[in-house]
Amino acid sequence: MASRGGPRAAGTDGSDYQHRERVASHYQMSVALKWEIKKLIYMHVGIWLLLLAQMCVGHLKLLPHDQVAMPYQWEYPYLLSILPSLLGLLSFPRNNISYLVLSMISAGLFSVAPLIYGAMEMFPMAQQLYRHGKAYRFIFGFSAVSVMYLVVVVAAQVHGWQLYYSKKLLDSWFTSTQEKKKK
């Protein structure tokens, strides 16, 4: 088969080779899903860095407690949520299925579970804020429970989409593995 712009083999217009010039759909899907997951991982790292900064400022007393509240209990185990993202990134170069599965399982344990616990931990304070208008913890003048619920909602969406795309990527990789075994 000749180059795209160069001469074709004698006696053909090159159309008989078009089937070889297409990339298999599961490879295209793998590339697209990896890109989506990477974007979600970058968003997760941003959320993680914000929580880490809030924890450092709170514990090191860099700002008064009326400006930045001490962290809630759920934020400590959530710091481990960076591990599933790293495992996911490690799975990409060689399409390592075991790393991706470990990433998905650990995302449930270290990412989703602390978010659920955090929503339950902060619920009484949110009730008190919205029923009586009383807030006792603040982050730069905003109610800490409101700010942290916003963080929980955004983080839950990021992790939910990350798990969804990881499952689709896993299915794509299994398709390619099954086709290789058939040959």
N, C-alpha and C. Protein backbone atom coordinates (compact mmCIF):
# COMPACT_ATOMS: atom_id res chain seq x y z
N MET A 1 0.85 -1.17 0.00
CA MET A 1 0.00 0.00 0.00
C MET A 1 0.90 1.23 0.00
N ALA A 2 0.65 2.12 -0.88
CA ALA A 2 1.48 3.32 -1.02
C ALA A 2 1.05 4.36 0.00
N SER A 3 1.84 5.40 0.10
CA SER A 3 1.53 6.48 1.04
C SER A 3 0.28 7.22 0.60
N ARG A 4 -0.27 7.98 1.50
CA ARG A 4 -1.53 8.67 1.27
C ARG A 4 -1.45 9.62 0.07
N GLY A 5 -0.41 10.35 -0.04
CA GLY A 5 -0.31 11.33 -1.12
C GLY A 5 0.48 10.82 -2.32
N GLY A 6 1.16 9.70 -2.16
CA GLY A 6 2.03 9.19 -3.22
C GLY A 6 1.30 8.27 -4.18
N PRO A 7 2.06 7.65 -5.06
CA PRO A 7 1.46 6.78 -6.08
C PRO A 7 0.89 5.50 -5.46
N ARG A 8 -0.14 4.99 -6.07
CA ARG A 8 -0.77 3.74 -5.65
C ARG A 8 -0.17 2.59 -6.45
N ALA A 9 -0.43 1.40 -5.99
CA ALA A 9 0.03 0.21 -6.70
C ALA A 9 -0.61 0.16 -8.08
N ALA A 10 0.12 -0.38 -9.04
CA ALA A 10 -0.37 -0.43 -10.42
C ALA A 10 -1.63 -1.29 -10.49
N GLY A 11 -2.63 -0.82 -11.23
CA GLY A 11 -3.84 -1.59 -11.43
C GLY A 11 -4.89 -1.38 -10.36
N THR A 12 -4.71 -0.40 -9.45
CA THR A 12 -5.71 -0.16 -8.40
C THR A 12 -5.86 1.33 -8.16
N ASP A 13 -7.00 1.70 -7.71
CA ASP A 13 -7.20 3.10 -7.33
C ASP A 13 -7.00 3.31 -5.83
N GLY A 14 -6.69 2.26 -5.11
CA GLY A 14 -6.44 2.34 -3.67
C GLY A 14 -7.65 2.09 -2.82
N SER A 15 -8.83 1.99 -3.41
CA SER A 15 -10.05 1.80 -2.60
C SER A 15 -10.11 0.41 -1.99
N ASP A 16 -9.38 -0.56 -2.54
CA ASP A 16 -9.41 -1.90 -1.98
C ASP A 16 -8.64 -1.99 -0.65
N TYR A 17 -7.93 -0.94 -0.29
CA TYR A 17 -7.20 -0.93 0.98
C TYR A 17 -7.87 -0.09 2.06
N GLN A 18 -9.03 0.51 1.75
CA GLN A 18 -9.66 1.41 2.72
C GLN A 18 -10.04 0.71 4.01
N HIS A 19 -10.39 -0.56 3.95
CA HIS A 19 -10.75 -1.27 5.17
C HIS A 19 -9.57 -1.37 6.14
N ARG A 20 -8.37 -1.29 5.61
CA ARG A 20 -7.19 -1.36 6.48
C ARG A 20 -6.82 0.00 7.05
N GLU A 21 -7.37 1.07 6.52
CA GLU A 21 -7.00 2.40 6.95
C GLU A 21 -7.86 2.91 8.10
N ARG A 22 -8.83 2.16 8.53
CA ARG A 22 -9.68 2.57 9.64
C ARG A 22 -9.14 2.00 10.95
N VAL A 23 -9.29 2.78 12.02
CA VAL A 23 -8.91 2.33 13.34
C VAL A 23 -10.11 1.62 13.96
N ALA A 24 -9.87 0.48 14.59
CA ALA A 24 -10.97 -0.28 15.19
C ALA A 24 -11.70 0.58 16.22
N SER A 25 -13.01 0.38 16.30
CA SER A 25 -13.84 1.25 17.15
C SER A 25 -13.47 1.16 18.62
N HIS A 26 -13.10 -0.04 19.11
CA HIS A 26 -12.75 -0.12 20.53
C HIS A 26 -11.46 0.62 20.85
N TYR A 27 -10.56 0.76 19.87
CA TYR A 27 -9.37 1.57 20.10
C TYR A 27 -9.71 3.05 20.13
N GLN A 28 -10.61 3.48 19.24
CA GLN A 28 -11.06 4.86 19.25
C GLN A 28 -11.76 5.18 20.57
N MET A 29 -12.60 4.25 21.03
CA MET A 29 -13.33 4.46 22.28
C MET A 29 -12.36 4.51 23.45
N SER A 30 -11.34 3.66 23.42
CA SER A 30 -10.36 3.64 24.51
C SER A 30 -9.66 4.99 24.63
N VAL A 31 -9.26 5.55 23.52
CA VAL A 31 -8.57 6.86 23.53
C VAL A 31 -9.50 7.94 24.06
N ALA A 32 -10.74 7.95 23.59
CA ALA A 32 -11.70 8.97 24.02
C ALA A 32 -12.01 8.85 25.50
N LEU A 33 -12.20 7.63 25.98
CA LEU A 33 -12.52 7.43 27.40
C LEU A 33 -11.34 7.78 28.30
N LYS A 34 -10.14 7.45 27.86
CA LYS A 34 -8.95 7.82 28.64
C LYS A 34 -8.87 9.34 28.79
N TRP A 35 -9.18 10.07 27.73
CA TRP A 35 -9.13 11.53 27.78
C TRP A 35 -10.18 12.06 28.76
N GLU A 36 -11.39 11.52 28.72
CA GLU A 36 -12.45 11.95 29.64
C GLU A 36 -12.06 11.66 31.08
N ILE A 37 -11.52 10.49 31.33
CA ILE A 37 -11.11 10.13 32.70
C ILE A 37 -9.98 11.04 33.17
N LYS A 38 -9.04 11.36 32.30
CA LYS A 38 -7.95 12.26 32.69
C LYS A 38 -8.49 13.62 33.08
N LYS A 39 -9.46 14.15 32.32
CA LYS A 39 -10.05 15.44 32.68
C LYS A 39 -10.71 15.36 34.05
N LEU A 40 -11.41 14.26 34.33
CA LEU A 40 -12.06 14.10 35.63
C LEU A 40 -11.03 13.96 36.75
N ILE A 41 -9.93 13.29 36.46
CA ILE A 41 -8.87 13.16 37.47
C ILE A 41 -8.27 14.53 37.78
N TYR A 42 -8.09 15.36 36.76
CA TYR A 42 -7.57 16.71 37.01
C TYR A 42 -8.54 17.52 37.86
N MET A 43 -9.83 17.36 37.60
CA MET A 43 -10.82 18.05 38.43
C MET A 43 -10.77 17.53 39.87
N HIS A 44 -10.60 16.22 40.02
CA HIS A 44 -10.51 15.63 41.35
C HIS A 44 -9.28 16.14 42.09
N VAL A 45 -8.18 16.25 41.39
CA VAL A 45 -6.96 16.77 42.02
C VAL A 45 -7.18 18.20 42.48
N GLY A 46 -7.91 18.99 41.71
CA GLY A 46 -8.22 20.36 42.12
C GLY A 46 -9.05 20.40 43.40
N ILE A 47 -10.07 19.57 43.47
CA ILE A 47 -10.89 19.48 44.70
C ILE A 47 -10.04 19.01 45.87
N TRP A 48 -9.21 18.02 45.61
CA TRP A 48 -8.36 17.45 46.65
C TRP A 48 -7.39 18.50 47.19
N LEU A 49 -6.81 19.29 46.29
CA LEU A 49 -5.89 20.35 46.72
C LEU A 49 -6.60 21.42 47.55
N LEU A 50 -7.83 21.76 47.18
CA LEU A 50 -8.60 22.73 47.97
C LEU A 50 -8.86 22.21 49.38
N LEU A 51 -9.24 20.95 49.49
CA LEU A 51 -9.47 20.37 50.82
C LEU A 51 -8.17 20.29 51.61
N LEU A 52 -7.09 19.93 50.95
CA LEU A 52 -5.80 19.87 51.63
C LEU A 52 -5.39 21.25 52.12
N ALA A 53 -5.61 22.27 51.31
CA ALA A 53 -5.28 23.64 51.72
C ALA A 53 -6.13 24.06 52.92
N GLN A 54 -7.43 23.73 52.88
CA GLN A 54 -8.29 24.08 54.00
C GLN A 54 -7.83 23.38 55.29
N MET A 55 -7.43 22.13 55.15
CA MET A 55 -6.97 21.38 56.33
C MET A 55 -5.65 21.96 56.87
N CYS A 56 -4.74 22.30 55.99
CA CYS A 56 -3.46 22.87 56.43
C CYS A 56 -3.67 24.22 57.10
N VAL A 57 -4.51 25.06 56.50
CA VAL A 57 -4.77 26.38 57.09
C VAL A 57 -5.45 26.23 58.45
N GLY A 58 -6.38 25.28 58.55
CA GLY A 58 -7.08 25.07 59.81
C GLY A 58 -6.18 24.54 60.91
N HIS A 59 -5.34 23.57 60.59
CA HIS A 59 -4.48 22.95 61.61
C HIS A 59 -3.26 23.80 61.96
N LEU A 60 -2.73 24.48 60.98
CA LEU A 60 -1.54 25.31 61.25
C LEU A 60 -1.90 26.69 61.76
N LYS A 61 -3.21 26.98 61.84
CA LYS A 61 -3.72 28.26 62.34
C LYS A 61 -3.11 29.44 61.60
N LEU A 62 -3.06 29.32 60.28
CA LEU A 62 -2.54 30.41 59.46
C LEU A 62 -3.53 31.56 59.38
N LEU A 63 -4.81 31.24 59.51
CA LEU A 63 -5.87 32.25 59.53
C LEU A 63 -6.74 31.97 60.76
N PRO A 64 -7.41 32.98 61.27
CA PRO A 64 -8.28 32.75 62.43
C PRO A 64 -9.41 31.78 62.09
N HIS A 65 -9.91 31.09 63.12
CA HIS A 65 -10.96 30.08 62.92
C HIS A 65 -12.28 30.68 62.45
N ASP A 66 -12.48 31.98 62.63
CA ASP A 66 -13.71 32.59 62.12
C ASP A 66 -13.65 32.80 60.61
N GLN A 67 -12.44 32.71 60.02
CA GLN A 67 -12.31 32.81 58.57
C GLN A 67 -12.26 31.43 57.91
N VAL A 68 -11.50 30.51 58.47
CA VAL A 68 -11.41 29.15 57.93
C VAL A 68 -11.61 28.17 59.08
N ALA A 69 -12.72 27.42 58.99
CA ALA A 69 -13.08 26.49 60.05
C ALA A 69 -12.17 25.26 60.03
N MET A 70 -12.14 24.58 61.16
CA MET A 70 -11.43 23.30 61.23
C MET A 70 -12.14 22.30 60.32
N PRO A 71 -11.42 21.34 59.77
CA PRO A 71 -12.04 20.39 58.84
C PRO A 71 -13.02 19.45 59.54
N TYR A 72 -13.98 18.97 58.77
CA TYR A 72 -14.89 17.94 59.26
C TYR A 72 -14.17 16.60 59.25
N GLN A 73 -14.72 15.62 59.96
CA GLN A 73 -14.07 14.32 60.08
C GLN A 73 -13.96 13.57 58.75
N TRP A 74 -14.90 13.76 57.86
CA TRP A 74 -14.88 13.03 56.60
C TRP A 74 -13.75 13.46 55.68
N GLU A 75 -13.21 14.63 55.91
CA GLU A 75 -12.16 15.15 55.03
C GLU A 75 -10.85 14.38 55.18
N TYR A 76 -10.60 13.82 56.35
CA TYR A 76 -9.35 13.08 56.57
C TYR A 76 -9.28 11.81 55.72
N PRO A 77 -10.29 10.93 55.76
CA PRO A 77 -10.19 9.76 54.87
C PRO A 77 -10.30 10.12 53.39
N TYR A 78 -10.94 11.25 53.09
CA TYR A 78 -11.05 11.65 51.69
C TYR A 78 -9.68 11.98 51.09
N LEU A 79 -8.72 12.34 51.93
CA LEU A 79 -7.38 12.61 51.40
C LEU A 79 -6.77 11.38 50.73
N LEU A 80 -7.23 10.19 51.11
CA LEU A 80 -6.74 8.97 50.46
C LEU A 80 -7.33 8.78 49.06
N SER A 81 -8.27 9.62 48.68
CA SER A 81 -8.92 9.47 47.38
C SER A 81 -7.99 9.78 46.22
N ILE A 82 -6.81 10.27 46.50
CA ILE A 82 -5.86 10.52 45.42
C ILE A 82 -5.27 9.20 44.90
N LEU A 83 -5.26 8.18 45.74
CA LEU A 83 -4.70 6.88 45.34
C LEU A 83 -5.45 6.24 44.18
N PRO A 84 -6.80 6.18 44.19
CA PRO A 84 -7.49 5.61 43.03
C PRO A 84 -7.21 6.37 41.74
N SER A 85 -7.08 7.67 41.83
CA SER A 85 -6.78 8.44 40.62
C SER A 85 -5.39 8.11 40.08
N LEU A 86 -4.44 7.94 40.97
CA LEU A 86 -3.09 7.57 40.52
C LEU A 86 -3.08 6.18 39.90
N LEU A 87 -3.82 5.24 40.50
CA LEU A 87 -3.92 3.90 39.92
C LEU A 87 -4.56 3.96 38.53
N GLY A 88 -5.57 4.81 38.39
CA GLY A 88 -6.20 4.96 37.08
C GLY A 88 -5.23 5.48 36.04
N LEU A 89 -4.44 6.48 36.42
CA LEU A 89 -3.45 7.01 35.49
C LEU A 89 -2.38 5.98 35.14
N LEU A 90 -2.00 5.15 36.12
CA LEU A 90 -1.00 4.10 35.87
C LEU A 90 -1.53 3.02 34.94
N SER A 91 -2.85 2.84 34.88
CA SER A 91 -3.42 1.80 34.04
C SER A 91 -3.43 2.19 32.56
N PHE A 92 -3.32 3.46 32.24
CA PHE A 92 -3.50 3.92 30.87
C PHE A 92 -2.39 3.52 29.89
N PRO A 93 -1.10 3.66 30.22
CA PRO A 93 -0.09 3.44 29.18
C PRO A 93 -0.14 2.06 28.52
N ARG A 94 -0.37 1.01 29.30
CA ARG A 94 -0.37 -0.34 28.74
C ARG A 94 -1.73 -1.02 28.83
N ASN A 95 -2.77 -0.22 29.03
CA ASN A 95 -4.13 -0.76 29.17
C ASN A 95 -4.18 -1.88 30.22
N ASN A 96 -3.65 -1.58 31.39
CA ASN A 96 -3.55 -2.55 32.47
C ASN A 96 -4.91 -2.70 33.16
N ILE A 97 -5.57 -3.81 32.91
CA ILE A 97 -6.91 -4.05 33.43
C ILE A 97 -6.90 -4.15 34.95
N SER A 98 -5.90 -4.78 35.53
CA SER A 98 -5.89 -4.98 36.99
C SER A 98 -5.75 -3.64 37.72
N TYR A 99 -4.95 -2.72 37.21
CA TYR A 99 -4.83 -1.41 37.84
C TYR A 99 -6.14 -0.64 37.74
N LEU A 100 -6.83 -0.76 36.61
CA LEU A 100 -8.09 -0.05 36.44
C LEU A 100 -9.15 -0.61 37.39
N VAL A 101 -9.18 -1.93 37.55
CA VAL A 101 -10.14 -2.54 38.49
C VAL A 101 -9.82 -2.10 39.92
N LEU A 102 -8.55 -2.11 40.29
CA LEU A 102 -8.15 -1.64 41.62
C LEU A 102 -8.52 -0.17 41.81
N SER A 103 -8.38 0.61 40.77
CA SER A 103 -8.75 2.02 40.84
C SER A 103 -10.24 2.17 41.10
N MET A 104 -11.05 1.38 40.43
CA MET A 104 -12.50 1.48 40.60
C MET A 104 -12.93 1.04 41.99
N ILE A 105 -12.36 -0.05 42.49
CA ILE A 105 -12.71 -0.54 43.83
C ILE A 105 -12.27 0.46 44.90
N SER A 106 -11.04 0.95 44.78
CA SER A 106 -10.54 1.89 45.79
C SER A 106 -11.23 3.24 45.69
N ALA A 107 -11.76 3.59 44.51
CA ALA A 107 -12.53 4.84 44.39
C ALA A 107 -13.80 4.74 45.22
N GLY A 108 -14.40 3.58 45.24
CA GLY A 108 -15.58 3.39 46.08
C GLY A 108 -15.24 3.52 47.55
N LEU A 109 -14.11 2.94 47.95
CA LEU A 109 -13.72 2.96 49.36
C LEU A 109 -13.18 4.31 49.83
N PHE A 110 -12.33 4.91 49.03
CA PHE A 110 -11.63 6.11 49.49
C PHE A 110 -12.24 7.42 48.98
N SER A 111 -13.11 7.35 47.98
CA SER A 111 -13.70 8.56 47.43
C SER A 111 -15.19 8.67 47.74
N VAL A 112 -15.94 7.67 47.33
CA VAL A 112 -17.40 7.73 47.47
C VAL A 112 -17.83 7.55 48.92
N ALA A 113 -17.24 6.59 49.62
CA ALA A 113 -17.64 6.33 51.01
C ALA A 113 -17.41 7.55 51.92
N PRO A 114 -16.26 8.24 51.86
CA PRO A 114 -16.12 9.44 52.69
C PRO A 114 -17.11 10.54 52.32
N LEU A 115 -17.48 10.63 51.04
CA LEU A 115 -18.46 11.64 50.65
C LEU A 115 -19.85 11.33 51.24
N ILE A 116 -20.21 10.06 51.24
CA ILE A 116 -21.49 9.67 51.85
C ILE A 116 -21.45 9.94 53.35
N TYR A 117 -20.35 9.56 53.99
CA TYR A 117 -20.21 9.83 55.43
C TYR A 117 -20.24 11.33 55.71
N GLY A 118 -19.61 12.10 54.85
CA GLY A 118 -19.59 13.56 55.03
C GLY A 118 -20.97 14.17 54.91
N ALA A 119 -21.75 13.69 53.96
CA ALA A 119 -23.12 14.19 53.82
C ALA A 119 -23.94 13.89 55.07
N MET A 120 -23.73 12.70 55.64
CA MET A 120 -24.45 12.34 56.88
C MET A 120 -23.92 13.11 58.08
N GLU A 121 -22.62 13.31 58.14
CA GLU A 121 -22.01 14.04 59.26
C GLU A 121 -22.48 15.49 59.31
N MET A 122 -22.60 16.11 58.16
CA MET A 122 -22.94 17.52 58.12
C MET A 122 -24.44 17.78 58.09
N PHE A 123 -25.26 16.74 57.95
CA PHE A 123 -26.70 16.94 57.81
C PHE A 123 -27.33 17.66 59.01
N PRO A 124 -27.02 17.30 60.28
CA PRO A 124 -27.63 18.05 61.39
C PRO A 124 -27.28 19.53 61.39
N MET A 125 -26.04 19.85 61.02
CA MET A 125 -25.64 21.26 60.97
C MET A 125 -26.34 21.99 59.83
N ALA A 126 -26.56 21.29 58.72
CA ALA A 126 -27.29 21.89 57.60
C ALA A 126 -28.75 22.14 57.98
N GLN A 127 -29.33 21.20 58.70
CA GLN A 127 -30.71 21.38 59.17
C GLN A 127 -30.81 22.60 60.08
N GLN A 128 -29.87 22.70 61.00
CA GLN A 128 -29.87 23.83 61.93
C GLN A 128 -29.71 25.15 61.18
N LEU A 129 -28.85 25.17 60.17
CA LEU A 129 -28.63 26.38 59.40
C LEU A 129 -29.90 26.79 58.66
N TYR A 130 -30.55 25.86 58.02
CA TYR A 130 -31.69 26.21 57.18
C TYR A 130 -32.99 26.35 57.95
N ARG A 131 -33.09 25.75 59.10
CA ARG A 131 -34.30 25.92 59.92
C ARG A 131 -34.23 27.17 60.80
N HIS A 132 -33.05 27.39 61.39
CA HIS A 132 -32.92 28.48 62.36
C HIS A 132 -31.99 29.59 61.90
N GLY A 133 -31.28 29.39 60.80
CA GLY A 133 -30.38 30.42 60.29
C GLY A 133 -29.12 30.59 61.12
N LYS A 134 -28.75 29.55 61.89
CA LYS A 134 -27.56 29.64 62.75
C LYS A 134 -26.43 28.80 62.16
N ALA A 135 -25.32 29.44 61.95
CA ALA A 135 -24.11 28.75 61.51
C ALA A 135 -23.00 29.09 62.51
N TYR A 136 -22.21 28.09 62.85
CA TYR A 136 -21.16 28.29 63.84
C TYR A 136 -19.76 28.18 63.23
N ARG A 137 -19.67 27.64 62.05
CA ARG A 137 -18.38 27.50 61.38
C ARG A 137 -18.46 28.21 60.05
N PHE A 138 -17.37 28.91 59.72
CA PHE A 138 -17.37 29.71 58.50
C PHE A 138 -16.09 29.49 57.69
N ILE A 139 -16.22 29.67 56.39
CA ILE A 139 -15.08 29.67 55.48
C ILE A 139 -15.18 30.96 54.68
N PHE A 140 -14.33 31.92 55.02
CA PHE A 140 -14.30 33.24 54.39
C PHE A 140 -15.69 33.89 54.36
N GLY A 141 -16.37 33.85 55.46
CA GLY A 141 -17.66 34.51 55.60
C GLY A 141 -18.87 33.69 55.17
N PHE A 142 -18.65 32.57 54.53
CA PHE A 142 -19.75 31.69 54.12
C PHE A 142 -19.90 30.57 55.13
N SER A 143 -21.09 30.07 55.29
CA SER A 143 -21.33 28.95 56.18
C SER A 143 -20.50 27.75 55.71
N ALA A 144 -19.73 27.17 56.63
CA ALA A 144 -18.85 26.05 56.26
C ALA A 144 -19.64 24.86 55.77
N VAL A 145 -20.81 24.62 56.37
CA VAL A 145 -21.60 23.47 55.95
C VAL A 145 -22.12 23.67 54.53
N SER A 146 -22.48 24.88 54.15
CA SER A 146 -22.94 25.13 52.78
C SER A 146 -21.80 24.93 51.78
N VAL A 147 -20.65 25.46 52.10
CA VAL A 147 -19.49 25.34 51.21
C VAL A 147 -19.10 23.87 51.07
N MET A 148 -19.08 23.14 52.17
CA MET A 148 -18.65 21.75 52.12
C MET A 148 -19.69 20.86 51.44
N TYR A 149 -20.98 21.19 51.57
CA TYR A 149 -21.99 20.44 50.83
C TYR A 149 -21.82 20.67 49.33
N LEU A 150 -21.47 21.87 48.95
CA LEU A 150 -21.20 22.14 47.54
C LEU A 150 -20.01 21.29 47.06
N VAL A 151 -18.98 21.21 47.87
CA VAL A 151 -17.81 20.39 47.55
C VAL A 151 -18.22 18.92 47.42
N VAL A 152 -19.06 18.44 48.34
CA VAL A 152 -19.51 17.05 48.31
C VAL A 152 -20.29 16.77 47.04
N VAL A 153 -21.18 17.67 46.66
CA VAL A 153 -21.99 17.47 45.45
C VAL A 153 -21.11 17.43 44.20
N VAL A 154 -20.19 18.35 44.08
CA VAL A 154 -19.30 18.39 42.91
C VAL A 154 -18.40 17.16 42.90
N ALA A 155 -17.83 16.82 44.04
CA ALA A 155 -16.94 15.65 44.11
C ALA A 155 -17.70 14.36 43.81
N ALA A 156 -18.93 14.24 44.28
CA ALA A 156 -19.73 13.03 43.99
C ALA A 156 -19.98 12.90 42.49
N GLN A 157 -20.23 14.02 41.82
CA GLN A 157 -20.42 13.97 40.38
C GLN A 157 -19.13 13.59 39.65
N VAL A 158 -18.03 14.16 40.08
CA VAL A 158 -16.74 13.84 39.45
C VAL A 158 -16.44 12.36 39.61
N HIS A 159 -16.60 11.83 40.82
CA HIS A 159 -16.29 10.42 41.05
C HIS A 159 -17.30 9.50 40.37
N GLY A 160 -18.54 9.91 40.33
CA GLY A 160 -19.55 9.10 39.64
C GLY A 160 -19.24 8.97 38.16
N TRP A 161 -18.93 10.09 37.51
CA TRP A 161 -18.58 10.04 36.09
C TRP A 161 -17.27 9.29 35.87
N GLN A 162 -16.35 9.44 36.80
CA GLN A 162 -15.07 8.73 36.68
C GLN A 162 -15.30 7.22 36.73
N LEU A 163 -16.15 6.76 37.64
CA LEU A 163 -16.45 5.33 37.71
C LEU A 163 -17.20 4.86 36.47
N TYR A 164 -18.12 5.67 35.98
CA TYR A 164 -18.88 5.31 34.78
C TYR A 164 -17.95 5.15 33.58
N TYR A 165 -17.09 6.14 33.36
CA TYR A 165 -16.17 6.07 32.22
C TYR A 165 -15.15 4.95 32.41
N SER A 166 -14.74 4.70 33.64
CA SER A 166 -13.80 3.60 33.88
C SER A 166 -14.44 2.26 33.53
N LYS A 167 -15.70 2.09 33.85
CA LYS A 167 -16.41 0.85 33.51
C LYS A 167 -16.51 0.70 32.00
N LYS A 168 -16.83 1.80 31.31
CA LYS A 168 -16.91 1.75 29.84
C LYS A 168 -15.52 1.44 29.24
N LEU A 169 -14.47 2.01 29.83
CA LEU A 169 -13.11 1.74 29.36
C LEU A 169 -12.74 0.28 29.60
N LEU A 170 -13.11 -0.23 30.74
CA LEU A 170 -12.86 -1.64 31.05
C LEU A 170 -13.55 -2.55 30.04
N ASP A 171 -14.79 -2.23 29.70
CA ASP A 171 -15.51 -3.00 28.69
C ASP A 171 -14.80 -2.92 27.33
N SER A 172 -14.31 -1.75 27.00
CA SER A 172 -13.58 -1.56 25.73
C SER A 172 -12.32 -2.42 25.72
N TRP A 173 -11.60 -2.44 26.83
CA TRP A 173 -10.38 -3.24 26.89
C TRP A 173 -10.68 -4.72 26.83
N PHE A 174 -11.77 -5.16 27.45
CA PHE A 174 -12.14 -6.56 27.38
C PHE A 174 -12.50 -6.96 25.96
N THR A 175 -13.14 -6.05 25.22
CA THR A 175 -13.48 -6.32 23.82
C THR A 175 -12.22 -6.55 23.02
N SER A 176 -11.24 -5.70 23.21
CA SER A 176 -9.99 -5.84 22.45
C SER A 176 -9.26 -7.11 22.87
N THR A 177 -9.30 -7.48 24.15
CA THR A 177 -8.64 -8.69 24.64
C THR A 177 -9.33 -9.93 24.04
N GLN A 178 -10.66 -9.92 23.99
CA GLN A 178 -11.38 -11.05 23.44
C GLN A 178 -11.11 -11.22 21.96
N GLU A 179 -10.99 -10.11 21.23
CA GLU A 179 -10.69 -10.21 19.80
C GLU A 179 -9.29 -10.74 19.56
N LYS A 180 -8.34 -10.40 20.43
CA LYS A 180 -6.98 -10.92 20.28
C LYS A 180 -6.96 -12.41 20.54
N LYS A 181 -7.76 -12.88 21.50
CA LYS A 181 -7.78 -14.32 21.81
C LYS A 181 -8.41 -15.13 20.68
N LYS A 182 -9.37 -14.55 19.95
CA LYS A 182 -10.01 -15.24 18.85
C LYS A 182 -9.03 -15.49 17.70
N LYS A 183 -8.09 -14.57 17.52
CA LYS A 183 -7.12 -14.69 16.41
C LYS A 183 -6.08 -15.67 16.77
